[in-house]
Protein backbone atom coordinates (compact mmCIF):
# COMPACT_ATOMS: atom_id res chain seq x y z
CA MET A 1 107.53 -41.30 38.85
CA THR A 2 110.50 -42.88 39.02
CA LEU A 3 112.76 -42.93 35.85
CA VAL A 4 112.42 -45.86 34.20
CA GLU A 5 108.56 -44.74 34.81
CA LYS A 6 109.04 -41.74 33.05
CA MET A 7 110.53 -43.11 30.08
CA LYS A 8 107.79 -45.54 29.46
CA ALA A 9 105.41 -43.49 30.10
CA GLU A 10 107.19 -41.55 27.20
CA LYS A 11 107.83 -44.26 25.12
CA GLU A 12 103.77 -44.97 24.99
CA ASN A 13 103.41 -41.39 24.39
CA LEU A 14 105.45 -41.89 21.01
CA LEU A 15 103.70 -44.86 19.30
CA THR A 16 100.58 -42.91 20.19
CA GLN A 17 102.05 -40.11 17.68
CA ILE A 18 103.40 -42.61 15.74
CA ALA A 19 99.81 -43.96 15.04
CA VAL A 20 98.93 -40.75 14.06
CA LEU A 21 101.25 -39.64 11.77
CA GLU A 22 101.21 -43.41 9.50
CA MET A 23 97.55 -42.26 9.76
CA HIS A 24 98.16 -38.89 8.35
CA ILE A 25 100.91 -40.50 5.75
CA ARG A 26 98.36 -43.31 4.78
CA LYS A 27 95.89 -41.23 3.98
CA SER A 28 97.64 -38.94 1.33
CA PRO A 29 98.67 -39.09 -2.18
CA PRO A 30 101.62 -42.13 -3.36
CA GLY A 31 104.54 -40.09 -4.78
CA LYS A 32 107.81 -39.05 -2.77
CA LEU A 33 108.16 -35.16 -2.51
CA PHE A 34 112.23 -34.05 -4.18
CA ILE A 35 113.08 -30.55 -3.56
CA LEU A 36 115.81 -28.96 -5.77
CA LYS A 37 116.72 -25.63 -4.40
CA ASN A 38 118.48 -22.93 -6.36
CA GLY A 39 119.40 -19.97 -3.65
CA VAL A 40 116.37 -18.81 -2.33
CA ARG A 41 113.99 -20.89 -5.28
CA GLU A 42 112.81 -24.52 -5.07
CA ARG A 43 111.60 -26.60 -7.68
CA TRP A 44 109.26 -29.37 -6.30
CA TYR A 45 109.25 -33.20 -7.95
CA VAL A 46 107.46 -36.21 -7.53
CA ASP A 47 109.39 -39.65 -7.21
CA SER A 48 106.44 -41.71 -8.91
CA PRO A 49 106.02 -45.13 -6.55
CA SER A 50 107.32 -48.37 -7.53
CA GLY A 51 104.41 -50.40 -9.18
CA SER A 52 102.76 -47.26 -10.91
CA SER A 53 102.17 -47.25 -14.48
CA SER A 54 103.85 -43.64 -14.72
CA LYS A 55 107.85 -43.39 -13.91
CA GLY A 56 110.19 -40.86 -13.21
CA ARG A 57 110.22 -38.19 -11.27
CA ALA A 58 107.75 -35.05 -12.95
CA TYR A 59 108.16 -31.18 -12.24
CA LEU A 60 104.85 -29.99 -9.90
CA ARG A 61 103.38 -27.04 -12.22
CA ARG A 62 101.48 -24.33 -10.47
CA LYS A 63 98.46 -26.32 -11.26
CA ASP A 64 99.00 -29.11 -9.33
CA ASN A 65 99.52 -26.72 -6.04
CA GLN A 66 96.75 -28.60 -4.34
CA PHE A 67 99.03 -32.09 -4.79
CA ALA A 68 102.14 -30.07 -4.12
CA GLU A 69 100.57 -29.20 -0.69
CA LYS A 70 98.87 -32.74 0.40
CA LEU A 71 102.81 -34.09 -0.85
CA GLY A 72 104.85 -31.40 1.09
CA LYS A 73 102.66 -32.51 4.66
CA LYS A 74 103.45 -36.00 3.61
CA ALA A 75 106.98 -35.18 3.42
CA TYR A 76 106.85 -33.25 6.82
CA TRP A 77 104.67 -36.00 8.60
CA GLU A 78 107.25 -38.85 7.22
CA ALA A 79 110.51 -36.89 8.85
CA GLU A 80 108.50 -37.03 12.07
CA LEU A 81 107.49 -40.49 11.71
CA GLU A 82 111.43 -40.94 11.48
CA ASP A 83 112.30 -39.29 14.37
CA ARG A 84 109.78 -40.50 16.63
CA LYS A 85 110.89 -44.14 15.88
CA ARG A 86 114.39 -43.37 16.33
CA LYS A 87 113.68 -42.04 19.59
CA VAL A 88 111.34 -45.38 20.21
CA ALA A 89 114.68 -47.33 19.75
CA ALA A 90 116.53 -45.25 22.14
CA ILE A 91 114.65 -45.56 24.85
CA ASP A 92 114.54 -49.30 24.13
CA ARG A 93 118.34 -49.39 24.01
CA TRP A 94 117.89 -47.83 27.48
CA LEU A 95 115.56 -49.69 29.05
CA ASN A 96 117.28 -52.62 28.29
CA GLU A 97 120.30 -51.57 29.67
CA GLU A 98 118.96 -50.07 32.85
CA LEU A 99 116.53 -53.31 33.42
CA SER A 100 119.44 -56.34 32.76
CA PHE A 101 121.92 -54.17 34.79
CA ILE A 102 123.98 -55.53 37.44
CA SER A 103 125.59 -53.85 40.44
CA GLU A 104 129.30 -53.60 40.18
CA THR A 105 128.93 -52.02 43.43
CA GLU A 106 127.53 -54.94 45.06
CA ASN A 107 129.69 -57.68 43.41
CA LEU A 108 132.87 -55.70 44.62
CA LEU A 109 131.29 -55.96 48.12
CA ASP A 110 130.12 -59.11 48.15
CA ARG A 111 133.93 -60.35 47.23
CA SER A 112 135.57 -57.87 49.36
CA ALA A 113 134.74 -58.11 53.40
CA ARG A 114 137.86 -55.49 53.71
CA ILE A 115 136.46 -53.16 51.17
CA ARG A 116 133.21 -52.96 52.44
CA LYS A 117 134.81 -52.23 55.70
CA LEU A 118 136.72 -49.53 54.14
CA ILE A 119 133.80 -47.15 52.73
CA SER A 120 132.64 -44.56 54.99
CA LYS A 121 129.56 -43.78 55.10
CA GLU A 122 130.41 -40.23 53.24
CA ASP A 123 131.73 -42.40 50.78
CA LYS A 124 128.31 -44.16 49.62
CA LEU A 125 125.13 -42.62 48.22
CA PRO A 126 122.51 -42.22 51.37
CA ASP A 127 120.39 -45.36 52.09
CA THR A 128 117.53 -42.68 52.59
CA ILE A 129 116.84 -39.28 52.44
CA HIS A 130 116.93 -38.36 56.25
CA ASP A 131 120.29 -39.94 55.96
CA TRP A 132 121.11 -37.44 53.50
CA LEU A 133 119.61 -34.34 55.51
CA ASN A 134 121.05 -35.29 58.44
CA ARG A 135 124.43 -35.46 57.17
CA GLU A 136 127.13 -32.99 57.98
CA HIS A 137 128.27 -30.74 54.81
CA PRO A 138 130.73 -27.89 54.26
CA VAL A 139 129.12 -24.85 53.45
CA ASN A 140 130.04 -21.98 51.24
CA SER A 141 131.35 -19.38 53.80
CA PHE A 142 131.63 -17.17 51.00
CA HIS A 143 129.86 -13.55 51.60
CA LYS A 144 127.68 -15.26 54.29
CA GLU A 145 126.34 -11.71 55.88
CA ASN A 146 124.33 -11.81 52.11
CA LEU A 147 122.00 -14.85 53.02
CA VAL A 148 119.29 -12.37 54.21
CA ILE A 149 116.08 -13.99 52.58
CA GLU A 150 114.44 -17.34 54.66
CA THR A 151 112.11 -19.66 53.27
CA LYS A 152 109.39 -21.31 55.28
CA MET A 153 111.86 -24.22 56.24
CA GLY A 154 114.14 -21.82 57.93
CA MET A 155 116.65 -21.94 54.81
CA PHE A 156 118.13 -18.77 54.08
CA VAL A 157 119.43 -17.91 50.77
CA ARG A 158 120.71 -15.01 48.81
CA SER A 159 118.48 -13.59 45.88
CA LYS A 160 114.66 -13.17 45.28
CA SER A 161 115.42 -16.40 42.46
CA GLU A 162 116.96 -18.65 45.10
CA HIS A 163 113.64 -18.38 47.60
CA ILE A 164 111.50 -19.01 44.42
CA ILE A 165 113.79 -22.05 43.86
CA ALA A 166 113.58 -23.46 47.25
CA SER A 167 110.13 -22.84 48.07
CA ALA A 168 109.52 -24.84 44.96
CA LEU A 169 111.46 -27.65 46.34
CA GLU A 170 110.04 -26.92 49.58
CA ARG A 171 106.29 -26.82 48.56
CA LYS A 172 106.66 -30.27 46.58
CA LYS A 173 108.55 -31.93 49.15
CA ILE A 174 111.61 -32.48 46.99
CA PRO A 175 115.12 -33.03 49.57
CA TYR A 176 117.90 -30.17 48.78
CA LYS A 177 120.50 -28.67 50.44
CA TYR A 178 121.92 -25.06 49.83
CA GLU A 179 125.76 -24.65 48.44
CA ILE A 180 126.92 -26.95 49.63
CA LEU A 181 131.06 -28.58 48.80
CA LEU A 182 131.04 -30.51 45.51
CA GLU A 183 134.31 -31.76 44.84
CA PHE A 184 135.73 -32.73 41.74
CA SER A 185 138.68 -34.61 40.90
CA GLU A 186 140.18 -30.72 39.64
CA GLY A 187 138.94 -28.06 41.93
CA LYS A 188 135.68 -27.83 44.10
CA ALA A 189 132.13 -25.47 43.54
CA TYR A 190 129.37 -24.97 46.05
CA PRO A 191 125.71 -25.66 44.07
CA ASP A 192 123.43 -23.35 44.55
CA PHE A 193 121.44 -26.13 45.10
CA THR A 194 121.95 -30.11 45.75
CA ILE A 195 119.00 -32.60 44.83
CA LEU A 196 118.21 -35.77 46.43
CA HIS A 197 115.61 -37.15 43.96
CA PRO A 198 113.14 -39.04 46.39
CA GLN A 199 112.24 -41.94 44.11
CA THR A 200 116.17 -42.48 42.47
CA LYS A 201 118.39 -41.06 45.48
CA GLN A 202 120.33 -39.99 42.37
CA PHE A 203 121.88 -36.30 43.01
CA TYR A 204 121.28 -33.31 40.58
CA TYR A 205 122.51 -29.94 40.61
CA TRP A 206 120.87 -26.69 40.33
CA GLU A 207 122.58 -23.58 39.27
CA HIS A 208 120.76 -20.23 38.67
CA PHE A 209 123.08 -16.87 36.86
CA GLY A 210 120.84 -14.01 38.04
CA MET A 211 122.75 -11.54 36.47
CA MET A 212 123.37 -12.15 32.62
CA ASP A 213 123.25 -9.08 31.58
CA ASP A 214 126.11 -8.18 33.18
CA ASP A 215 129.62 -8.68 31.17
CA GLN A 216 131.77 -9.76 34.11
CA TYR A 217 129.03 -12.09 35.71
CA PHE A 218 128.44 -13.40 32.64
CA SER A 219 132.13 -14.14 32.07
CA ARG A 220 132.19 -15.95 35.65
CA ALA A 221 128.88 -17.84 34.80
CA VAL A 222 130.41 -19.59 32.21
CA SER A 223 133.56 -20.96 33.40
CA LYS A 224 131.49 -21.98 35.96
CA LEU A 225 129.79 -23.94 33.42
CA ARG A 226 132.66 -25.13 31.86
CA GLN A 227 134.19 -26.46 35.13
CA TYR A 228 130.87 -28.19 35.57
CA ILE A 229 130.80 -29.84 32.69
CA ARG A 230 134.55 -30.80 32.17
CA SER A 231 134.00 -32.26 35.58
CA GLY A 232 131.30 -34.67 34.20
CA LEU A 233 127.94 -32.95 34.81
CA VAL A 234 126.03 -32.71 32.24
CA PRO A 235 123.33 -29.93 31.26
CA GLY A 236 119.56 -31.24 31.19
CA VAL A 237 120.39 -34.36 32.90
CA ASN A 238 122.06 -34.08 36.09
CA LEU A 239 123.08 -30.56 36.04
CA ILE A 240 119.71 -28.33 35.98
CA VAL A 241 120.37 -24.71 34.40
CA THR A 242 118.51 -21.55 34.86
CA PHE A 243 119.70 -18.08 33.91
CA GLU A 244 117.83 -14.55 34.24
CA THR A 245 118.44 -10.75 33.66
CA MET A 246 117.24 -7.64 34.56
CA ASP A 247 114.45 -7.67 31.54
CA LYS A 248 113.71 -11.15 31.77
CA PRO A 249 113.64 -12.39 35.54
CA LEU A 250 112.92 -16.02 36.53
CA SER A 251 109.59 -16.84 36.90
CA VAL A 252 107.71 -19.04 39.62
CA GLN A 253 105.86 -21.12 36.40
CA LEU A 254 109.18 -21.56 34.94
CA VAL A 255 110.32 -22.63 37.82
CA ASP A 256 107.68 -24.96 38.79
CA ALA A 257 107.30 -26.82 35.88
CA ILE A 258 111.19 -27.74 36.04
CA VAL A 259 110.71 -28.89 39.62
CA ASP A 260 107.99 -31.05 38.07
CA TYR A 261 109.52 -32.34 34.78
CA TYR A 262 112.67 -33.72 37.32
CA PHE A 263 111.58 -34.93 40.88
CA VAL A 264 107.12 -35.19 40.49
């Protein structure tokens, strides 16, 4: 499923939720809940709807408890409704921009044969998965003796958790490379996994931090995340980040869910 298809599916899901919320609101009693808070104490009032015989704001007493609870639920549904409408509007804006997208790259290359010749294969995103997988990339040479755990496809990784991630990608036939060079305008890094989305051909980077209960490791992890973010990678968008501690190891179920969400 492409990203556009995922966004359209999410919009349909939101519209269904909106219809359900609007039905709940229509079945609720008239009036709007108003909450006045003094410290931890709350006082609930009801604002009468326009056009009703009663006007103004009325305090809801204990004897009105059942009515008040219905208004409380209605207030919650109205807030949920507003959130979902805003999400739909955001998706519509994104889809409009994406579907009307005109490639500046192709415009530039059409205008200049010299630039087209200037751009090497390494400068381009891969045309095919096979093309990318067969390219030579600089790899991390740090403590190569720690690459001792082999995946089914013959990739050697450093930890059991990285083996879980690599195995999930291999099972679902998601193309990836392990610890290859990623250069920034200021510095470089070797993300644990560089992943090529099989449909969009966009790159994703997966960094797993496996000893977050170790103070020194924690500090290095924060520094690496800061470097990624300053260089333009966005966690949850094109940077996938997972964590674990001694008491909370990485689970196969979580990794499978992440792979399905981003790539399947």
